[in-house]
Amino acid sequence: MSILYARPAVNKTSKKVSQSFPRDARLLKHADFQAVYKNGRKHFSGNMTAFYRQGEGAAGPRVGFTVGKVLGGAVVRNRIRRRMRAAVRQHLRELAAPLDLVLHPRKSVLTLKFAQLDAEIGQVFAAVQRGKGR
């Protein structure tokens, strides 16, 4: 006796722009984060701080998030991380240079409207692309 599961219908004619956040576009290792903090530059924004450095041998940009315990419990931190990841997905193609970027949000990101967060991520990416920072 076999069980058949219904699969959702997929419209193959519509070409939706992929908004995935692939593994090779993420900073995952502790050593990579530390290298960005130690050898990189900073860009301060209203609701977040961006640490960045030119990527070494990377095919494209890699983005990581640090959401500290000071921002709240696990549920709150994960919500902040999810919101930031969604905004970064929409702007990831704007980063042309191979660089490593760590975004460190402030608590205000949680109450910020998504359109404002999205606009701020775009501004941070533009500033980082220009190399504007300390």
C-alpha atoms as a PDB file:
ATOM      1  CA  MET A   1       0.000   0.000   0.000  1.00  0.00           C
ATOM      2  CA  SER A   2       1.515   3.294  -1.047  1.00  0.00           C
ATOM      3  CA  ILE A   3       0.675   6.739   0.196  1.00  0.00           C
ATOM      4  CA  LEU A   4       0.556   9.567  -2.277  1.00  0.00           C
ATOM      5  CA  TYR A   5       1.370  13.057  -1.135  1.00  0.00           C
ATOM      6  CA  ALA A   6       0.075  16.073  -2.960  1.00  0.00           C
ATOM      7  CA  ARG A   7       2.777  18.361  -4.284  1.00  0.00           C
ATOM      8  CA  PRO A   8       2.118  22.046  -4.674  1.00  0.00           C
ATOM      9  CA  ALA A   9       1.602  23.222  -8.213  1.00  0.00           C
ATOM     10  CA  VAL A  10       4.554  25.074  -9.643  1.00  0.00           C
ATOM     11  CA  ASN A  11       4.138  27.592 -12.401  1.00  0.00           C
ATOM     12  CA  LYS A  12       7.266  27.044 -14.490  1.00  0.00           C
ATOM     13  CA  THR A  13       6.484  29.870 -16.889  1.00  0.00           C
ATOM     14  CA  SER A  14       6.842  32.644 -14.304  1.00  0.00           C
ATOM     15  CA  LYS A  15      10.445  33.590 -13.657  1.00  0.00           C
ATOM     16  CA  LYS A  16      10.698  34.761 -10.099  1.00  0.00           C
ATOM     17  CA  VAL A  17      13.966  36.319  -9.022  1.00  0.00           C
ATOM     18  CA  SER A  18      15.673  34.000  -6.585  1.00  0.00           C
ATOM     19  CA  GLN A  19      15.876  35.498  -3.134  1.00  0.00           C
ATOM     20  CA  SER A  20      17.825  32.724  -1.526  1.00  0.00           C
ATOM     21  CA  PHE A  21      20.695  33.296   0.820  1.00  0.00           C
ATOM     22  CA  PRO A  22      23.116  30.571  -0.313  1.00  0.00           C
ATOM     23  CA  ARG A  23      25.650  29.028   2.000  1.00  0.00           C
ATOM     24  CA  ASP A  24      28.596  30.464   0.062  1.00  0.00           C
ATOM     25  CA  ALA A  25      27.195  33.994   0.624  1.00  0.00           C
ATOM     26  CA  ARG A  26      27.278  33.614   4.429  1.00  0.00           C
ATOM     27  CA  LEU A  27      30.038  34.007   6.965  1.00  0.00           C
ATOM     28  CA  LEU A  28      29.909  30.853   9.044  1.00  0.00           C
ATOM     29  CA  LYS A  29      33.235  30.294  10.776  1.00  0.00           C
ATOM     30  CA  HIS A  30      34.347  32.017  13.961  1.00  0.00           C
ATOM     31  CA  ALA A  31      37.769  32.669  12.427  1.00  0.00           C
ATOM     32  CA  ASP A  32      36.168  34.552   9.528  1.00  0.00           C
ATOM     33  CA  PHE A  33      34.229  36.791  11.922  1.00  0.00           C
ATOM     34  CA  GLN A  34      37.376  37.460  13.945  1.00  0.00           C
ATOM     35  CA  ALA A  35      39.353  38.328  10.806  1.00  0.00           C
ATOM     36  CA  VAL A  36      36.711  40.902   9.844  1.00  0.00           C
ATOM     37  CA  TYR A  37      36.764  42.444  13.326  1.00  0.00           C
ATOM     38  CA  LYS A  38      40.561  42.507  13.526  1.00  0.00           C
ATOM     39  CA  ASN A  39      41.549  43.528   9.988  1.00  0.00           C
ATOM     40  CA  GLY A  40      38.434  45.259   8.701  1.00  0.00           C
ATOM     41  CA  ARG A  41      36.818  48.652   8.721  1.00  0.00           C
ATOM     42  CA  LYS A  42      33.619  49.903  10.374  1.00  0.00           C
ATOM     43  CA  HIS A  43      30.607  51.776   9.101  1.00  0.00           C
ATOM     44  CA  PHE A  44      28.151  53.169  11.649  1.00  0.00           C
ATOM     45  CA  SER A  45      24.511  53.504  10.723  1.00  0.00           C
ATOM     46  CA  GLY A  46      21.471  54.571  12.711  1.00  0.00           C
ATOM     47  CA  ASN A  47      20.347  51.080  13.686  1.00  0.00           C
ATOM     48  CA  MET A  48      23.378  48.893  13.044  1.00  0.00           C
ATOM     49  CA  THR A  49      27.125  48.757  12.727  1.00  0.00           C
ATOM     50  CA  ALA A  50      28.777  47.131   9.731  1.00  0.00           C
ATOM     51  CA  PHE A  51      32.245  45.616   9.944  1.00  0.00           C
ATOM     52  CA  TYR A  52      33.791  44.773   6.592  1.00  0.00           C
ATOM     53  CA  ARG A  53      37.001  43.857   4.819  1.00  0.00           C
ATOM     54  CA  GLN A  54      37.988  42.834   1.339  1.00  0.00           C
ATOM     55  CA  GLY A  55      37.410  39.124   0.838  1.00  0.00           C
ATOM     56  CA  GLU A  56      40.437  36.963   0.212  1.00  0.00           C
ATOM     57  CA  GLY A  57      39.826  34.454  -2.529  1.00  0.00           C
ATOM     58  CA  ALA A  58      36.063  34.628  -2.171  1.00  0.00           C
ATOM     59  CA  ALA A  59      33.969  34.460  -5.311  1.00  0.00           C
ATOM     60  CA  GLY A  60      31.527  37.048  -4.042  1.00  0.00           C
ATOM     61  CA  PRO A  61      30.394  38.871  -0.940  1.00  0.00           C
ATOM     62  CA  ARG A  62      29.773  37.001   2.310  1.00  0.00           C
ATOM     63  CA  VAL A  63      27.507  38.377   5.027  1.00  0.00           C
ATOM     64  CA  GLY A  64      27.291  37.401   8.681  1.00  0.00           C
ATOM     65  CA  PHE A  65      25.165  38.573  11.597  1.00  0.00           C
ATOM     66  CA  THR A  66      26.060  39.026  15.259  1.00  0.00           C
ATOM     67  CA  VAL A  67      23.087  39.486  17.540  1.00  0.00           C
ATOM     68  CA  GLY A  68      24.287  39.598  21.137  1.00  0.00           C
ATOM     69  CA  LYS A  69      22.439  38.441  24.226  1.00  0.00           C
ATOM     70  CA  VAL A  70      22.149  42.037  25.374  1.00  0.00           C
ATOM     71  CA  LEU A  71      19.429  42.495  22.726  1.00  0.00           C
ATOM     72  CA  GLY A  72      17.085  39.992  24.374  1.00  0.00           C
ATOM     73  CA  GLY A  73      16.264  36.342  24.720  1.00  0.00           C
ATOM     74  CA  ALA A  74      16.650  33.717  22.027  1.00  0.00           C
ATOM     75  CA  VAL A  75      13.238  34.411  20.487  1.00  0.00           C
ATOM     76  CA  VAL A  76      13.941  38.130  20.195  1.00  0.00           C
ATOM     77  CA  ARG A  77      17.450  37.590  18.823  1.00  0.00           C
ATOM     78  CA  ASN A  78      16.204  35.123  16.229  1.00  0.00           C
ATOM     79  CA  ARG A  79      13.463  37.538  15.164  1.00  0.00           C
ATOM     80  CA  ILE A  80      16.053  40.301  14.675  1.00  0.00           C
ATOM     81  CA  ARG A  81      18.278  37.924  12.716  1.00  0.00           C
ATOM     82  CA  ARG A  82      15.389  36.785  10.491  1.00  0.00           C
ATOM     83  CA  ARG A  83      14.358  40.363   9.699  1.00  0.00           C
ATOM     84  CA  MET A  84      17.900  41.358   8.839  1.00  0.00           C
ATOM     85  CA  ARG A  85      18.448  38.249   6.729  1.00  0.00           C
ATOM     86  CA  ALA A  86      15.291  39.005   4.736  1.00  0.00           C
ATOM     87  CA  ALA A  87      16.462  42.557   4.055  1.00  0.00           C
ATOM     88  CA  VAL A  88      19.964  41.396   3.092  1.00  0.00           C
ATOM     89  CA  ARG A  89      18.527  38.868   0.633  1.00  0.00           C
ATOM     90  CA  GLN A  90      16.916  41.686  -1.314  1.00  0.00           C
ATOM     91  CA  HIS A  91      20.149  43.703  -1.539  1.00  0.00           C
ATOM     92  CA  LEU A  92      22.781  40.968  -1.830  1.00  0.00           C
ATOM     93  CA  ARG A  93      23.260  41.511  -5.570  1.00  0.00           C
ATOM     94  CA  GLU A  94      24.226  45.143  -4.958  1.00  0.00           C
ATOM     95  CA  LEU A  95      27.544  44.034  -3.469  1.00  0.00           C
ATOM     96  CA  ALA A  96      29.823  43.417  -6.421  1.00  0.00           C
ATOM     97  CA  ALA A  97      33.210  43.286  -4.723  1.00  0.00           C
ATOM     98  CA  PRO A  98      34.307  40.130  -2.930  1.00  0.00           C
ATOM     99  CA  LEU A  99      34.120  41.285   0.656  1.00  0.00           C
ATOM    100  CA  ASP A 100      33.240  39.937   4.072  1.00  0.00           C
ATOM    101  CA  LEU A 101      30.597  41.892   5.943  1.00  0.00           C
ATOM    102  CA  VAL A 102      29.363  41.470   9.521  1.00  0.00           C
ATOM    103  CA  LEU A 103      26.199  43.325  10.517  1.00  0.00           C
ATOM    104  CA  HIS A 104      25.745  44.085  14.208  1.00  0.00           C
ATOM    105  CA  PRO A 105      22.206  45.416  14.886  1.00  0.00           C
ATOM    106  CA  ARG A 106      20.937  47.605  17.680  1.00  0.00           C
ATOM    107  CA  LYS A 107      17.770  46.843  19.638  1.00  0.00           C
ATOM    108  CA  SER A 108      15.833  49.385  17.569  1.00  0.00           C
ATOM    109  CA  VAL A 109      15.945  47.000  14.573  1.00  0.00           C
ATOM    110  CA  LEU A 110      13.229  44.957  16.282  1.00  0.00           C
ATOM    111  CA  THR A 111      10.676  47.787  16.268  1.00  0.00           C
ATOM    112  CA  LEU A 112      11.777  49.340  12.983  1.00  0.00           C
ATOM    113  CA  LYS A 113       9.352  49.031  10.073  1.00  0.00           C
ATOM    114  CA  PHE A 114      10.651  46.593   7.489  1.00  0.00           C
ATOM    115  CA  ALA A 115      10.694  49.231   4.743  1.00  0.00           C
ATOM    116  CA  GLN A 116      12.988  51.375   6.897  1.00  0.00           C
ATOM    117  CA  LEU A 117      15.216  48.408   7.706  1.00  0.00           C
ATOM    118  CA  ASP A 118      15.357  47.510   4.021  1.00  0.00           C
ATOM    119  CA  ALA A 119      16.326  51.073   3.082  1.00  0.00           C
ATOM    120  CA  GLU A 120      19.009  51.193   5.756  1.00  0.00           C
ATOM    121  CA  ILE A 121      20.523  47.901   4.591  1.00  0.00           C
ATOM    122  CA  GLY A 122      20.656  49.381   1.084  1.00  0.00           C
ATOM    123  CA  GLN A 123      22.434  52.486   2.400  1.00  0.00           C
ATOM    124  CA  VAL A 124      24.917  50.398   4.381  1.00  0.00           C
ATOM    125  CA  PHE A 125      25.666  48.231   1.341  1.00  0.00           C
ATOM    126  CA  ALA A 126      26.205  51.341  -0.807  1.00  0.00           C
ATOM    127  CA  ALA A 127      28.564  52.866   1.771  1.00  0.00           C
ATOM    128  CA  VAL A 128      30.500  49.624   2.159  1.00  0.00           C
ATOM    129  CA  GLN A 129      30.753  49.273  -1.620  1.00  0.00           C
ATOM    130  CA  ARG A 130      32.271  52.757  -1.814  1.00  0.00           C
ATOM    131  CA  GLY A 131      34.683  51.861   0.981  1.00  0.00           C
ATOM    132  CA  LYS A 132      33.378  54.586   3.234  1.00  0.00           C
ATOM    133  CA  GLY A 133      34.131  53.798   6.837  1.00  0.00           C
ATOM    134  CA  ARG A 134      36.652  54.098   9.625  1.00  0.00           C
END
